[in-house]
Structures are given as C-alpha cells and as structure tokens.
Amino acid sequence: MGSNRRYPDAADERADEIRLEQAKRGNPVSLTTAEVRRTGPRAEAPNSVPVIASVRYRVVYEEPRTVEGEALAWTHGAVLVKYPDPTTRQDRFVWVYANAVKRR
C-alpha cells in the first residue's frame, strides 16, 4: 500500500510538469533593500494611488510586464506597488524604480 507499482514515475513526472508551469509563469523581481535605500527617504501614502507599473519578472530570464496596481509608498527614486497577480490571484508587493510607474 502507498506505492504505485503500475505507474511508478507518474507522480514525479507530474511534479516536474507543475514546476515547469510555475517557472513559465515567472516571479516578480523587487528592488533590493539596498537599492530602495539609495533612492532616498520613504514616504507613506495616506491613501493608495492607482498606478500602472512595469514590473520585472524572472522567467528563466527577466521580462517586464505592465500591471495595474496601487502605489503604497515611495522614495525619490522608487515606488512600492501592490497589484493582483492574475495567475495566483494573490496580491504582490514589489519595489520598482520611479520611472517605471505612471498614474492611471
């Protein structure tokens, strides 16, 4: 009980397929803490600001994707963006350079 004698590799193959599917979807790449600190002092938004931001995604390589979200905080050169990820249906939070953001 517990082992699949007839299809021993099926579970491993499915796990590999799932990992590949996730890799193709990619992960957002946020600025590092050091990069954000170099852009200046942080200011918090009293109310979130609707924005369109270019967020870098790492999909075996990085590619920019345009997302609609909200600016929650910023420095002179960076913005903290919250946006809903359509593939995971969860909110993502990333720091991006200020020139990658514009108001909606």
Protein backbone atom coordinates (compact mmCIF):
# COMPACT_ATOMS: atom_id res chain seq x y z
CA MET A 1 0.00 0.00 0.00
CA GLY A 2 1.23 3.51 -0.72
CA SER A 3 3.41 2.82 -3.76
CA ASN A 4 2.34 2.92 -7.37
CA ARG A 5 3.78 -0.24 -8.92
CA ARG A 6 1.94 0.15 -12.17
CA TYR A 7 2.94 3.80 -12.82
CA PRO A 8 5.96 4.42 -10.58
CA ASP A 9 7.14 7.62 -12.30
CA ALA A 10 3.76 9.30 -12.85
CA ALA A 11 3.89 11.34 -9.63
CA ASP A 12 7.45 12.52 -10.32
CA GLU A 13 6.55 13.45 -13.89
CA ARG A 14 3.51 15.43 -12.74
CA ALA A 15 5.62 17.24 -10.13
CA ASP A 16 8.11 18.18 -12.87
CA GLU A 17 5.26 19.46 -15.06
CA ILE A 18 3.93 21.61 -12.21
CA ARG A 19 7.38 23.10 -11.54
CA LEU A 20 7.79 23.89 -15.25
CA GLU A 21 4.36 25.53 -15.41
CA GLN A 22 5.24 27.68 -12.38
CA ALA A 23 8.60 28.63 -13.90
CA LYS A 24 6.89 29.72 -17.12
CA ARG A 25 4.54 31.99 -15.14
CA GLY A 26 7.55 33.65 -13.57
CA ASN A 27 8.07 35.55 -10.33
CA PRO A 28 8.10 39.31 -9.85
CA VAL A 29 11.52 40.78 -9.06
CA SER A 30 11.53 43.57 -6.49
CA LEU A 31 14.34 46.04 -5.90
CA THR A 32 16.64 45.01 -3.08
CA THR A 33 16.53 46.81 0.25
CA ALA A 34 19.87 48.46 -0.58
CA GLU A 35 18.55 49.69 -3.94
CA VAL A 36 15.47 51.20 -2.29
CA ARG A 37 17.57 52.89 0.44
CA ARG A 38 19.78 54.51 -2.22
CA THR A 39 16.72 56.20 -3.78
CA GLY A 40 16.00 58.40 -0.76
CA PRO A 41 13.74 58.62 2.30
CA ARG A 42 10.48 56.67 2.24
CA ALA A 43 7.09 58.41 2.26
CA GLU A 44 3.85 56.55 3.01
CA ALA A 45 0.69 57.24 1.03
CA PRO A 46 -2.27 58.30 3.21
CA ASN A 47 -4.46 56.64 0.56
CA SER A 48 -3.20 54.29 -2.13
CA VAL A 49 -2.65 55.84 -5.57
CA PRO A 50 -3.84 53.95 -8.69
CA VAL A 51 -0.86 53.37 -11.00
CA ILE A 52 0.35 51.37 -13.97
CA ALA A 53 3.82 49.95 -13.33
CA SER A 54 6.38 48.00 -15.28
CA VAL A 55 7.40 45.07 -13.05
CA ARG A 56 10.35 42.82 -13.90
CA TYR A 57 9.50 39.12 -13.95
CA ARG A 58 12.09 36.34 -13.84
CA VAL A 59 11.08 33.59 -16.26
CA VAL A 60 14.39 31.79 -16.63
CA TYR A 61 15.24 35.33 -17.70
CA GLU A 62 13.67 38.65 -16.68
CA GLU A 63 10.96 40.33 -18.73
CA PRO A 64 8.99 43.49 -17.97
CA ARG A 65 5.21 43.20 -17.66
CA THR A 66 2.77 46.07 -17.36
CA VAL A 67 0.45 45.74 -14.38
CA GLU A 68 -2.31 47.86 -12.87
CA GLY A 69 -1.95 48.37 -9.15
CA GLU A 70 -1.61 50.88 -6.34
CA ALA A 71 1.36 52.88 -5.09
CA LEU A 72 1.61 52.41 -1.33
CA ALA A 73 4.91 54.14 -0.56
CA TRP A 74 7.77 55.80 -2.37
CA THR A 75 11.18 57.40 -2.17
CA HIS A 76 12.72 59.96 -4.54
CA GLY A 77 13.55 57.19 -6.99
CA ALA A 78 11.43 54.10 -6.17
CA VAL A 79 7.77 53.13 -5.63
CA LEU A 80 6.23 50.27 -3.63
CA VAL A 81 3.49 48.82 -5.87
CA LYS A 82 0.71 46.45 -4.81
CA TYR A 83 -1.05 44.62 -7.62
CA PRO A 84 -3.18 41.49 -8.05
CA ASP A 85 -1.32 38.66 -9.77
CA PRO A 86 -3.74 37.14 -12.31
CA THR A 87 -2.15 33.68 -12.20
CA THR A 88 -2.06 33.21 -8.41
CA ARG A 89 -4.95 35.57 -7.55
CA GLN A 90 -2.87 36.95 -4.69
CA ASP A 91 -1.65 40.47 -4.12
CA ARG A 92 2.01 41.05 -4.98
CA PHE A 93 4.18 43.77 -3.48
CA VAL A 94 7.27 44.96 -5.36
CA TRP A 95 9.57 47.95 -5.29
CA VAL A 96 10.25 49.35 -8.75
CA TYR A 97 12.17 52.39 -9.96
CA ALA A 98 10.01 55.52 -10.08
CA ASN A 99 10.38 55.96 -13.85
CA ALA A 100 8.64 52.57 -14.31
CA VAL A 101 5.39 53.95 -12.80
CA LYS A 102 2.75 56.35 -14.04
CA ARG A 103 -0.61 57.39 -12.59
CA ARG A 104 -3.73 55.88 -14.09
